[in-house]
């Protein structure tokens, strides 16, 4: 029977460091941090009825909305929302040029 040597363990620190060196993971973490600010940008009323869904190329953020009325209301406030995002975008070194509001992307988490 062959003796097994357990000498090539990987430390958790080196594993985390390796993961954080991955460009896609860094981008996902940064986006997730940006999404956390949505409730401050949108306000209490709209934060309950909408949430960031994804980022598209060219700096376009897709926001899932509970219904078409919420999407329309947020569309009318788009420029104010982008302006409110600016301090968070600067701190995360990101750029958002447009917001798209889509009621088709809404998933009611209470039913899941």
PDB file of N, CA and C in Angstrom:
ATOM      1  N   UNK A   1       0.841  -1.176   0.000  1.00  0.00           N
ATOM      2  CA  UNK A   1       0.000   0.000   0.000  1.00  0.00           C
ATOM      3  C   UNK A   1       0.892   1.246   0.000  1.00  0.00           C
ATOM      4  N   UNK A   2       0.529   2.207  -0.883  1.00  0.00           N
ATOM      5  CA  UNK A   2       1.309   3.430  -1.038  1.00  0.00           C
ATOM      6  C   UNK A   2       0.955   4.420   0.064  1.00  0.00           C
ATOM      7  N   UNK A   3       1.987   5.015   0.650  1.00  0.00           N
ATOM      8  CA  UNK A   3       1.789   6.002   1.709  1.00  0.00           C
ATOM      9  C   UNK A   3       1.418   7.336   1.078  1.00  0.00           C
ATOM     10  N   UNK A   4       0.356   7.980   1.590  1.00  0.00           N
ATOM     11  CA  UNK A   4      -0.113   9.247   1.066  1.00  0.00           C
ATOM     12  C   UNK A   4       0.463  10.376   1.916  1.00  0.00           C
ATOM     13  N   UNK A   5       1.088  11.329   1.243  1.00  0.00           N
ATOM     14  CA  UNK A   5       1.645  12.484   1.938  1.00  0.00           C
ATOM     15  C   UNK A   5       0.752  13.693   1.682  1.00  0.00           C
ATOM     16  N   UNK A   6       0.367  14.337   2.722  1.00  0.00           N
ATOM     17  CA  UNK A   6      -0.497  15.510   2.610  1.00  0.00           C
ATOM     18  C   UNK A   6       0.333  16.777   2.776  1.00  0.00           C
ATOM     19  N   UNK A   7       1.140  17.069   1.789  1.00  0.00           N
ATOM     20  CA  UNK A   7       2.038  18.205   1.916  1.00  0.00           C
ATOM     21  C   UNK A   7       1.708  19.345   0.969  1.00  0.00           C
ATOM     22  N   UNK A   8       0.853  19.133  -0.003  1.00  0.00           N
ATOM     23  CA  UNK A   8       0.585  20.200  -0.960  1.00  0.00           C
ATOM     24  C   UNK A   8      -0.805  20.811  -0.766  1.00  0.00           C
ATOM     25  N   UNK A   9      -1.089  21.160   0.497  1.00  0.00           N
ATOM     26  CA  UNK A   9      -2.331  21.857   0.786  1.00  0.00           C
ATOM     27  C   UNK A   9      -2.233  23.300   0.317  1.00  0.00           C
ATOM     28  N   UNK A  10      -3.368  23.857  -0.027  1.00  0.00           N
ATOM     29  CA  UNK A  10      -3.433  25.256  -0.433  1.00  0.00           C
ATOM     30  C   UNK A  10      -4.075  26.022   0.712  1.00  0.00           C
ATOM     31  N   UNK A  11      -3.446  27.110   1.122  1.00  0.00           N
ATOM     32  CA  UNK A  11      -4.017  27.901   2.204  1.00  0.00           C
ATOM     33  C   UNK A  11      -5.225  28.685   1.691  1.00  0.00           C
ATOM     34  N   UNK A  12      -6.121  28.995   2.585  1.00  0.00           N
ATOM     35  CA  UNK A  12      -7.307  29.753   2.191  1.00  0.00           C
ATOM     36  C   UNK A  12      -6.915  31.149   1.711  1.00  0.00           C
ATOM     37  N   UNK A  13      -5.887  31.736   2.298  1.00  0.00           N
ATOM     38  CA  UNK A  13      -5.431  33.061   1.880  1.00  0.00           C
ATOM     39  C   UNK A  13      -4.951  33.049   0.429  1.00  0.00           C
ATOM     40  N   UNK A  14      -4.182  32.023   0.079  1.00  0.00           N
ATOM     41  CA  UNK A  14      -3.674  31.962  -1.298  1.00  0.00           C
ATOM     42  C   UNK A  14      -4.802  31.690  -2.282  1.00  0.00           C
ATOM     43  N   UNK A  15      -5.785  30.912  -1.854  1.00  0.00           N
ATOM     44  CA  UNK A  15      -6.938  30.635  -2.713  1.00  0.00           C
ATOM     45  C   UNK A  15      -7.746  31.907  -2.958  1.00  0.00           C
ATOM     46  N   UNK A  16      -7.992  32.682  -1.914  1.00  0.00           N
ATOM     47  CA  UNK A  16      -8.731  33.943  -2.037  1.00  0.00           C
ATOM     48  C   UNK A  16      -7.946  34.931  -2.894  1.00  0.00           C
ATOM     49  N   UNK A  17      -6.649  34.995  -2.678  1.00  0.00           N
ATOM     50  CA  UNK A  17      -5.805  35.887  -3.468  1.00  0.00           C
ATOM     51  C   UNK A  17      -5.863  35.527  -4.949  1.00  0.00           C
ATOM     52  N   UNK A  18      -5.831  34.235  -5.230  1.00  0.00           N
ATOM     53  CA  UNK A  18      -5.918  33.775  -6.618  1.00  0.00           C
ATOM     54  C   UNK A  18      -7.273  34.128  -7.236  1.00  0.00           C
ATOM     55  N   UNK A  19      -8.346  33.967  -6.468  1.00  0.00           N
ATOM     56  CA  UNK A  19      -9.681  34.307  -6.967  1.00  0.00           C
ATOM     57  C   UNK A  19      -9.801  35.804  -7.242  1.00  0.00           C
ATOM     58  N   UNK A  20      -9.243  36.622  -6.339  1.00  0.00           N
ATOM     59  CA  UNK A  20      -9.352  38.065  -6.513  1.00  0.00           C
ATOM     60  C   UNK A  20      -8.483  38.583  -7.653  1.00  0.00           C
ATOM     61  N   UNK A  21      -7.520  37.805  -8.092  1.00  0.00           N
ATOM     62  CA  UNK A  21      -6.714  38.186  -9.244  1.00  0.00           C
ATOM     63  C   UNK A  21      -7.467  37.972 -10.555  1.00  0.00           C
ATOM     64  N   UNK A  22      -8.546  37.187 -10.503  1.00  0.00           N
ATOM     65  CA  UNK A  22      -9.352  36.923 -11.690  1.00  0.00           C
ATOM     66  C   UNK A  22     -10.158  38.171 -12.037  1.00  0.00           C
ATOM     67  N   UNK A  23      -9.993  38.679 -13.271  1.00  0.00           N
ATOM     68  CA  UNK A  23     -10.657  39.917 -13.700  1.00  0.00           C
ATOM     69  C   UNK A  23     -12.181  39.826 -13.636  1.00  0.00           C
ATOM     70  N   UNK A  24     -12.732  38.693 -14.037  1.00  0.00           N
ATOM     71  CA  UNK A  24     -14.193  38.535 -14.047  1.00  0.00           C
ATOM     72  C   UNK A  24     -14.768  38.533 -12.636  1.00  0.00           C
ATOM     73  N   UNK A  25     -14.062  37.927 -11.721  1.00  0.00           N
ATOM     74  CA  UNK A  25     -14.536  37.906 -10.336  1.00  0.00           C
ATOM     75  C   UNK A  25     -14.452  39.305  -9.730  1.00  0.00           C
ATOM     76  N   UNK A  26     -13.375  40.033 -10.012  1.00  0.00           N
ATOM     77  CA  UNK A  26     -13.260  41.417  -9.539  1.00  0.00           C
ATOM     78  C   UNK A  26     -14.410  42.260 -10.061  1.00  0.00           C
ATOM     79  N   UNK A  27     -14.730  42.076 -11.353  1.00  0.00           N
ATOM     80  CA  UNK A  27     -15.820  42.839 -11.966  1.00  0.00           C
ATOM     81  C   UNK A  27     -17.158  42.494 -11.314  1.00  0.00           C
ATOM     82  N   UNK A  28     -17.385  41.209 -11.047  1.00  0.00           N
ATOM     83  CA  UNK A  28     -18.634  40.782 -10.421  1.00  0.00           C
ATOM     84  C   UNK A  28     -18.766  41.344  -9.003  1.00  0.00           C
ATOM     85  N   UNK A  29     -17.671  41.364  -8.256  1.00  0.00           N
ATOM     86  CA  UNK A  29     -17.697  41.905  -6.895  1.00  0.00           C
ATOM     87  C   UNK A  29     -17.995  43.409  -6.929  1.00  0.00           C
ATOM     88  N   UNK A  30     -17.363  44.108  -7.856  1.00  0.00           N
ATOM     89  CA  UNK A  30     -17.588  45.550  -7.977  1.00  0.00           C
ATOM     90  C   UNK A  30     -19.036  45.842  -8.339  1.00  0.00           C
ATOM     91  N   UNK A  31     -19.581  45.086  -9.286  1.00  0.00           N
ATOM     92  CA  UNK A  31     -20.995  45.278  -9.667  1.00  0.00           C
ATOM     93  C   UNK A  31     -21.915  45.003  -8.495  1.00  0.00           C
ATOM     94  N   UNK A  32     -21.635  43.936  -7.777  1.00  0.00           N
ATOM     95  CA  UNK A  32     -22.463  43.593  -6.624  1.00  0.00           C
ATOM     96  C   UNK A  32     -22.430  44.707  -5.584  1.00  0.00           C
ATOM     97  N   UNK A  33     -21.260  45.293  -5.365  1.00  0.00           N
ATOM     98  CA  UNK A  33     -21.157  46.420  -4.435  1.00  0.00           C
ATOM     99  C   UNK A  33     -21.986  47.602  -4.920  1.00  0.00           C
ATOM    100  N   UNK A  34     -21.965  47.857  -6.217  1.00  0.00           N
ATOM    101  CA  UNK A  34     -22.760  48.946  -6.782  1.00  0.00           C
ATOM    102  C   UNK A  34     -24.254  48.675  -6.597  1.00  0.00           C
ATOM    103  N   UNK A  35     -24.669  47.439  -6.815  1.00  0.00           N
ATOM    104  CA  UNK A  35     -26.089  47.077  -6.678  1.00  0.00           C
ATOM    105  C   UNK A  35     -26.598  47.333  -5.262  1.00  0.00           C
ATOM    106  N   UNK A  36     -25.726  47.226  -4.282  1.00  0.00           N
ATOM    107  CA  UNK A  36     -26.131  47.436  -2.891  1.00  0.00           C
ATOM    108  C   UNK A  36     -26.547  48.883  -2.620  1.00  0.00           C
ATOM    109  N   UNK A  37     -26.129  49.804  -3.477  1.00  0.00           N
ATOM    110  CA  UNK A  37     -26.474  51.212  -3.287  1.00  0.00           C
ATOM    111  C   UNK A  37     -27.809  51.586  -3.943  1.00  0.00           C
ATOM    112  N   UNK A  38     -28.435  50.661  -4.634  1.00  0.00           N
ATOM    113  CA  UNK A  38     -29.674  50.967  -5.348  1.00  0.00           C
ATOM    114  C   UNK A  38     -30.743  51.542  -4.421  1.00  0.00           C
ATOM    115  N   UNK A  39     -30.896  50.991  -3.226  1.00  0.00           N
ATOM    116  CA  UNK A  39     -31.943  51.487  -2.324  1.00  0.00           C
ATOM    117  C   UNK A  39     -31.702  52.940  -1.928  1.00  0.00           C
ATOM    118  N   UNK A  40     -30.445  53.361  -1.844  1.00  0.00           N
ATOM    119  CA  UNK A  40     -30.149  54.767  -1.529  1.00  0.00           C
ATOM    120  C   UNK A  40     -30.423  55.670  -2.724  1.00  0.00           C
ATOM    121  N   UNK A  41     -30.149  55.163  -3.905  1.00  0.00           N
ATOM    122  CA  UNK A  41     -30.330  55.954  -5.124  1.00  0.00           C
ATOM    123  C   UNK A  41     -31.814  56.057  -5.484  1.00  0.00           C
ATOM    124  N   UNK A  42     -32.508  54.941  -5.448  1.00  0.00           N
ATOM    125  CA  UNK A  42     -33.911  54.912  -5.874  1.00  0.00           C
ATOM    126  C   UNK A  42     -34.862  55.431  -4.808  1.00  0.00           C
ATOM    127  N   UNK A  43     -34.461  55.340  -3.564  1.00  0.00           N
ATOM    128  CA  UNK A  43     -35.360  55.722  -2.478  1.00  0.00           C
ATOM    129  C   UNK A  43     -36.165  54.515  -2.011  1.00  0.00           C
ATOM    130  N   UNK A  44     -36.676  54.611  -0.809  1.00  0.00           N
ATOM    131  CA  UNK A  44     -37.388  53.503  -0.163  1.00  0.00           C
ATOM    132  C   UNK A  44     -38.553  52.966  -1.009  1.00  0.00           C
ATOM    133  N   UNK A  45     -39.359  53.886  -1.515  1.00  0.00           N
ATOM    134  CA  UNK A  45     -40.559  53.515  -2.276  1.00  0.00           C
ATOM    135  C   UNK A  45     -40.223  52.655  -3.501  1.00  0.00           C
ATOM    136  N   UNK A  46     -39.238  53.089  -4.283  1.00  0.00           N
ATOM    137  CA  UNK A  46     -38.909  52.373  -5.511  1.00  0.00           C
ATOM    138  C   UNK A  46     -37.960  51.202  -5.283  1.00  0.00           C
ATOM    139  N   UNK A  47     -37.198  51.239  -4.197  1.00  0.00           N
ATOM    140  CA  UNK A  47     -36.273  50.134  -3.913  1.00  0.00           C
ATOM    141  C   UNK A  47     -37.035  48.841  -3.628  1.00  0.00           C
ATOM    142  N   UNK A  48     -38.243  48.965  -3.095  1.00  0.00           N
ATOM    143  CA  UNK A  48     -39.063  47.782  -2.818  1.00  0.00           C
ATOM    144  C   UNK A  48     -39.664  47.201  -4.089  1.00  0.00           C
ATOM    145  N   UNK A  49     -39.779  48.023  -5.123  1.00  0.00           N
ATOM    146  CA  UNK A  49     -40.452  47.598  -6.348  1.00  0.00           C
ATOM    147  C   UNK A  49     -39.506  47.446  -7.543  1.00  0.00           C
ATOM    148  N   UNK A  50     -38.206  47.578  -7.281  1.00  0.00           N
ATOM    149  CA  UNK A  50     -37.219  47.433  -8.354  1.00  0.00           C
ATOM    150  C   UNK A  50     -35.891  47.009  -7.750  1.00  0.00           C
ATOM    151  N   UNK A  51     -35.052  46.411  -8.584  1.00  0.00           N
ATOM    152  CA  UNK A  51     -33.720  46.021  -8.122  1.00  0.00           C
ATOM    153  C   UNK A  51     -32.801  45.849  -9.328  1.00  0.00           C
ATOM    154  N   UNK A  52     -31.516  46.119  -9.139  1.00  0.00           N
ATOM    155  CA  UNK A  52     -30.565  45.933 -10.239  1.00  0.00           C
ATOM    156  C   UNK A  52     -30.567  44.479 -10.693  1.00  0.00           C
ATOM    157  N   UNK A  53     -30.546  44.293 -12.001  1.00  0.00           N
ATOM    158  CA  UNK A  53     -30.607  42.946 -12.566  1.00  0.00           C
ATOM    159  C   UNK A  53     -29.279  42.540 -13.200  1.00  0.00           C
ATOM    160  N   UNK A  54     -28.717  43.425 -14.026  1.00  0.00           N
ATOM    161  CA  UNK A  54     -27.460  43.093 -14.699  1.00  0.00           C
ATOM    162  C   UNK A  54     -26.844  44.352 -15.291  1.00  0.00           C
ATOM    163  N   UNK A  55     -25.634  44.177 -15.804  1.00  0.00           N
ATOM    164  CA  UNK A  55     -24.947  45.245 -16.529  1.00  0.00           C
ATOM    165  C   UNK A  55     -24.748  44.775 -17.960  1.00  0.00           C
ATOM    166  N   UNK A  56     -24.997  45.670 -18.888  1.00  0.00           N
ATOM    167  CA  UNK A  56     -24.776  45.388 -20.306  1.00  0.00           C
ATOM    168  C   UNK A  56     -23.546  46.177 -20.741  1.00  0.00           C
ATOM    169  N   UNK A  57     -23.064  45.865 -21.916  1.00  0.00           N
ATOM    170  CA  UNK A  57     -21.928  46.595 -22.452  1.00  0.00           C
ATOM    171  C   UNK A  57     -22.242  48.068 -22.620  1.00  0.00           C
ATOM    172  N   UNK A  58     -21.212  48.882 -22.591  1.00  0.00           N
ATOM    173  CA  UNK A  58     -21.388  50.312 -22.792  1.00  0.00           C
ATOM    174  C   UNK A  58     -21.889  51.054 -21.572  1.00  0.00           C
ATOM    175  N   UNK A  59     -21.829  50.426 -20.397  1.00  0.00           N
ATOM    176  CA  UNK A  59     -22.246  51.105 -19.176  1.00  0.00           C
ATOM    177  C   UNK A  59     -23.745  51.209 -18.996  1.00  0.00           C
ATOM    178  N   UNK A  60     -24.488  50.201 -19.434  1.00  0.00           N
ATOM    179  CA  UNK A  60     -25.945  50.198 -19.294  1.00  0.00           C
ATOM    180  C   UNK A  60     -26.331  49.223 -18.176  1.00  0.00           C
ATOM    181  N   UNK A  61     -27.016  49.746 -17.164  1.00  0.00           N
ATOM    182  CA  UNK A  61     -27.493  48.903 -16.069  1.00  0.00           C
ATOM    183  C   UNK A  61     -28.965  48.579 -16.299  1.00  0.00           C
ATOM    184  N   UNK A  62     -29.297  47.310 -16.187  1.00  0.00           N
ATOM    185  CA  UNK A  62     -30.681  46.863 -16.335  1.00  0.00           C
ATOM    186  C   UNK A  62     -31.276  46.730 -14.941  1.00  0.00           C
ATOM    187  N   UNK A  63     -32.428  47.357 -14.754  1.00  0.00           N
ATOM    188  CA  UNK A  63     -33.136  47.327 -13.482  1.00  0.00           C
ATOM    189  C   UNK A  63     -34.434  46.542 -13.671  1.00  0.00           C
ATOM    190  N   UNK A  64     -34.603  45.488 -12.887  1.00  0.00           N
ATOM    191  CA  UNK A  64     -35.856  44.727 -12.906  1.00  0.00           C
ATOM    192  C   UNK A  64     -36.902  45.506 -12.114  1.00  0.00           C
ATOM    193  N   UNK A  65     -38.099  45.607 -12.670  1.00  0.00           N
ATOM    194  CA  UNK A  65     -39.176  46.364 -12.028  1.00  0.00           C
ATOM    195  C   UNK A  65     -40.378  45.464 -11.796  1.00  0.00           C
ATOM    196  N   UNK A  66     -41.088  45.729 -10.720  1.00  0.00           N
ATOM    197  CA  UNK A  66     -42.245  44.921 -10.346  1.00  0.00           C
ATOM    198  C   UNK A  66     -43.333  44.932 -11.425  1.00  0.00           C
ATOM    199  N   UNK A  67     -43.521  46.080 -12.075  1.00  0.00           N
ATOM    200  CA  UNK A  67     -44.530  46.177 -13.129  1.00  0.00           C
ATOM    201  C   UNK A  67     -44.178  47.335 -14.071  1.00  0.00           C
ATOM    202  N   UNK A  68     -44.960  47.482 -15.118  1.00  0.00           N
ATOM    203  CA  UNK A  68     -44.690  48.506 -16.131  1.00  0.00           C
ATOM    204  C   UNK A  68     -44.849  49.930 -15.572  1.00  0.00           C
ATOM    205  N   UNK A  69     -45.712  50.099 -14.591  1.00  0.00           N
ATOM    206  CA  UNK A  69     -45.917  51.421 -13.998  1.00  0.00           C
ATOM    207  C   UNK A  69     -44.646  51.878 -13.281  1.00  0.00           C
ATOM    208  N   UNK A  70     -44.042  50.977 -12.531  1.00  0.00           N
ATOM    209  CA  UNK A  70     -42.786  51.295 -11.838  1.00  0.00           C
ATOM    210  C   UNK A  70     -41.699  51.588 -12.859  1.00  0.00           C
ATOM    211  N   UNK A  71     -41.636  50.780 -13.919  1.00  0.00           N
ATOM    212  CA  UNK A  71     -40.630  50.995 -14.973  1.00  0.00           C
ATOM    213  C   UNK A  71     -40.799  52.377 -15.607  1.00  0.00           C
ATOM    214  N   UNK A  72     -42.032  52.763 -15.886  1.00  0.00           N
ATOM    215  CA  UNK A  72     -42.298  54.064 -16.488  1.00  0.00           C
ATOM    216  C   UNK A  72     -41.919  55.204 -15.542  1.00  0.00           C
ATOM    217  N   UNK A  73     -42.287  55.061 -14.291  1.00  0.00           N
ATOM    218  CA  UNK A  73     -41.989  56.090 -13.294  1.00  0.00           C
ATOM    219  C   UNK A  73     -40.466  56.267 -13.142  1.00  0.00           C
ATOM    220  N   UNK A  74     -39.733  55.160 -13.108  1.00  0.00           N
ATOM    221  CA  UNK A  74     -38.276  55.233 -12.994  1.00  0.00           C
ATOM    222  C   UNK A  74     -37.643  55.778 -14.272  1.00  0.00           C
ATOM    223  N   UNK A  75     -38.230  55.456 -15.412  1.00  0.00           N
ATOM    224  CA  UNK A  75     -37.719  55.989 -16.680  1.00  0.00           C
ATOM    225  C   UNK A  75     -37.798  57.512 -16.685  1.00  0.00           C
ATOM    226  N   UNK A  76     -38.868  58.050 -16.133  1.00  0.00           N
ATOM    227  CA  UNK A  76     -39.019  59.505 -16.060  1.00  0.00           C
ATOM    228  C   UNK A  76     -37.984  60.140 -15.128  1.00  0.00           C
ATOM    229  N   UNK A  77     -37.463  59.354 -14.199  1.00  0.00           N
ATOM    230  CA  UNK A  77     -36.471  59.850 -13.241  1.00  0.00           C
ATOM    231  C   UNK A  77     -35.049  59.383 -13.574  1.00  0.00           C
ATOM    232  N   UNK A  78     -34.853  58.845 -14.749  1.00  0.00           N
ATOM    233  CA  UNK A  78     -33.580  58.230 -15.123  1.00  0.00           C
ATOM    234  C   UNK A  78     -32.373  59.140 -14.898  1.00  0.00           C
ATOM    235  N   UNK A  79     -32.445  60.364 -15.361  1.00  0.00           N
ATOM    236  CA  UNK A  79     -31.296  61.257 -15.270  1.00  0.00           C
ATOM    237  C   UNK A  79     -30.979  61.628 -13.821  1.00  0.00           C
ATOM    238  N   UNK A  80     -32.017  61.787 -12.999  1.00  0.00           N
ATOM    239  CA  UNK A  80     -31.785  62.052 -11.582  1.00  0.00           C
ATOM    240  C   UNK A  80     -31.139  60.835 -10.905  1.00  0.00           C
ATOM    241  N   UNK A  81     -31.561  59.639 -11.297  1.00  0.00           N
ATOM    242  CA  UNK A  81     -30.991  58.420 -10.719  1.00  0.00           C
ATOM    243  C   UNK A  81     -29.515  58.273 -11.089  1.00  0.00           C
ATOM    244  N   UNK A  82     -29.200  58.536 -12.353  1.00  0.00           N
ATOM    245  CA  UNK A  82     -27.799  58.458 -12.791  1.00  0.00           C
ATOM    246  C   UNK A  82     -26.956  59.476 -12.024  1.00  0.00           C
ATOM    247  N   UNK A  83     -27.516  60.654 -11.812  1.00  0.00           N
ATOM    248  CA  UNK A  83     -26.809  61.689 -11.056  1.00  0.00           C
ATOM    249  C   UNK A  83     -26.570  61.258  -9.610  1.00  0.00           C
ATOM    250  N   UNK A  84     -27.575  60.634  -8.990  1.00  0.00           N
ATOM    251  CA  UNK A  84     -27.436  60.163  -7.612  1.00  0.00           C
ATOM    252  C   UNK A  84     -26.414  59.029  -7.501  1.00  0.00           C
ATOM    253  N   UNK A  85     -26.237  58.267  -8.584  1.00  0.00           N
ATOM    254  CA  UNK A  85     -25.272  57.160  -8.604  1.00  0.00           C
ATOM    255  C   UNK A  85     -23.825  57.649  -8.645  1.00  0.00           C
ATOM    256  N   UNK A  86     -23.583  58.867  -9.099  1.00  0.00           N
ATOM    257  CA  UNK A  86     -22.226  59.352  -9.362  1.00  0.00           C
ATOM    258  C   UNK A  86     -21.229  59.172  -8.212  1.00  0.00           C
ATOM    259  N   UNK A  87     -21.560  59.538  -6.977  1.00  0.00           N
ATOM    260  CA  UNK A  87     -20.561  59.350  -5.901  1.00  0.00           C
ATOM    261  C   UNK A  87     -20.159  57.879  -5.723  1.00  0.00           C
ATOM    262  N   UNK A  88     -21.122  56.973  -5.862  1.00  0.00           N
ATOM    263  CA  UNK A  88     -20.839  55.543  -5.706  1.00  0.00           C
ATOM    264  C   UNK A  88     -20.016  55.029  -6.891  1.00  0.00           C
ATOM    265  N   UNK A  89     -20.343  55.525  -8.075  1.00  0.00           N
ATOM    266  CA  UNK A  89     -19.607  55.121  -9.268  1.00  0.00           C
ATOM    267  C   UNK A  89     -18.150  55.564  -9.196  1.00  0.00           C
ATOM    268  N   UNK A  90     -17.936  56.784  -8.718  1.00  0.00           N
ATOM    269  CA  UNK A  90     -16.559  57.285  -8.592  1.00  0.00           C
ATOM    270  C   UNK A  90     -15.762  56.458  -7.605  1.00  0.00           C
ATOM    271  N   UNK A  91     -16.364  56.120  -6.470  1.00  0.00           N
ATOM    272  CA  UNK A  91     -15.632  55.351  -5.459  1.00  0.00           C
ATOM    273  C   UNK A  91     -15.318  53.939  -5.943  1.00  0.00           C
ATOM    274  N   UNK A  92     -16.177  53.382  -6.811  1.00  0.00           N
ATOM    275  CA  UNK A  92     -15.948  52.030  -7.344  1.00  0.00           C
ATOM    276  C   UNK A  92     -15.222  52.046  -8.693  1.00  0.00           C
ATOM    277  N   UNK A  93     -14.931  53.254  -9.179  1.00  0.00           N
ATOM    278  CA  UNK A  93     -14.269  53.432 -10.481  1.00  0.00           C
ATOM    279  C   UNK A  93     -15.059  52.746 -11.601  1.00  0.00           C
ATOM    280  N   UNK A  94     -16.360  53.024 -11.605  1.00  0.00           N
ATOM    281  CA  UNK A  94     -17.253  52.486 -12.634  1.00  0.00           C
ATOM    282  C   UNK A  94     -17.921  53.639 -13.377  1.00  0.00           C
ATOM    283  N   UNK A  95     -18.581  53.283 -14.470  1.00  0.00           N
ATOM    284  CA  UNK A  95     -19.276  54.285 -15.264  1.00  0.00           C
ATOM    285  C   UNK A  95     -20.622  53.708 -15.712  1.00  0.00           C
ATOM    286  N   UNK A  96     -21.681  54.449 -15.461  1.00  0.00           N
ATOM    287  CA  UNK A  96     -23.005  54.079 -15.966  1.00  0.00           C
ATOM    288  C   UNK A  96     -23.469  55.209 -16.867  1.00  0.00           C
ATOM    289  N   UNK A  97     -23.790  54.865 -18.104  1.00  0.00           N
ATOM    290  CA  UNK A  97     -24.247  55.867 -19.059  1.00  0.00           C
ATOM    291  C   UNK A  97     -25.755  55.854 -19.231  1.00  0.00           C
ATOM    292  N   UNK A  98     -26.369  54.691 -18.919  1.00  0.00           N
ATOM    293  CA  UNK A  98     -27.809  54.579 -19.139  1.00  0.00           C
ATOM    294  C   UNK A  98     -28.400  53.555 -18.169  1.00  0.00           C
ATOM    295  N   UNK A  99     -29.683  53.714 -17.889  1.00  0.00           N
ATOM    296  CA  UNK A  99     -30.439  52.756 -17.093  1.00  0.00           C
ATOM    297  C   UNK A  99     -31.596  52.248 -17.941  1.00  0.00           C
ATOM    298  N   UNK A 100     -31.806  50.960 -17.931  1.00  0.00           N
ATOM    299  CA  UNK A 100     -32.955  50.366 -18.631  1.00  0.00           C
ATOM    300  C   UNK A 100     -33.814  49.672 -17.597  1.00  0.00           C
ATOM    301  N   UNK A 101     -35.098  49.934 -17.660  1.00  0.00           N
ATOM    302  CA  UNK A 101     -36.033  49.400 -16.681  1.00  0.00           C
ATOM    303  C   UNK A 101     -36.903  48.354 -17.356  1.00  0.00           C
ATOM    304  N   UNK A 102     -36.890  47.119 -16.822  1.00  0.00           N
ATOM    305  CA  UNK A 102     -37.539  45.997 -17.480  1.00  0.00           C
ATOM    306  C   UNK A 102     -38.418  45.215 -16.507  1.00  0.00           C
ATOM    307  N   UNK A 103     -39.749  45.308 -16.659  1.00  0.00           N
ATOM    308  CA  UNK A 103     -40.636  44.543 -15.778  1.00  0.00           C
ATOM    309  C   UNK A 103     -40.597  43.039 -16.049  1.00  0.00           C
ATOM    310  N   UNK A 104     -40.115  42.625 -17.199  1.00  0.00           N
ATOM    311  CA  UNK A 104     -40.039  41.192 -17.526  1.00  0.00           C
ATOM    312  C   UNK A 104     -38.969  40.466 -16.719  1.00  0.00           C
ATOM    313  N   UNK A 105     -38.026  41.197 -16.184  1.00  0.00           N
ATOM    314  CA  UNK A 105     -36.926  40.590 -15.428  1.00  0.00           C
ATOM    315  C   UNK A 105     -37.267  40.398 -13.946  1.00  0.00           C
ATOM    316  N   UNK A 106     -38.394  40.922 -13.513  1.00  0.00           N
ATOM    317  CA  UNK A 106     -38.750  40.882 -12.097  1.00  0.00           C
ATOM    318  C   UNK A 106     -39.043  39.452 -11.647  1.00  0.00           C
ATOM    319  N   UNK A 107     -38.451  39.070 -10.524  1.00  0.00           N
ATOM    320  CA  UNK A 107     -38.718  37.793  -9.890  1.00  0.00           C
ATOM    321  C   UNK A 107     -39.126  38.097  -8.473  1.00  0.00           C
ATOM    322  N   UNK A 108     -40.301  37.635  -8.098  1.00  0.00           N
ATOM    323  CA  UNK A 108     -40.795  37.893  -6.745  1.00  0.00           C
ATOM    324  C   UNK A 108     -40.123  36.904  -5.807  1.00  0.00           C
ATOM    325  N   UNK A 109     -39.207  37.386  -4.966  1.00  0.00           N
ATOM    326  CA  UNK A 109     -38.420  36.519  -4.087  1.00  0.00           C
ATOM    327  C   UNK A 109     -39.256  35.859  -3.011  1.00  0.00           C
ATOM    328  N   UNK A 110     -40.382  36.438  -2.660  1.00  0.00           N
ATOM    329  CA  UNK A 110     -41.235  35.865  -1.620  1.00  0.00           C
ATOM    330  C   UNK A 110     -41.833  34.539  -2.075  1.00  0.00           C
ATOM    331  N   UNK A 111     -42.015  34.364  -3.379  1.00  0.00           N
ATOM    332  CA  UNK A 111     -42.616  33.141  -3.896  1.00  0.00           C
ATOM    333  C   UNK A 111     -41.592  32.051  -4.156  1.00  0.00           C
ATOM    334  N   UNK A 112     -40.314  32.401  -4.102  1.00  0.00           N
ATOM    335  CA  UNK A 112     -39.267  31.406  -4.390  1.00  0.00           C
ATOM    336  C   UNK A 112     -38.984  30.522  -3.204  1.00  0.00           C
TER     337      UNK A 112
END
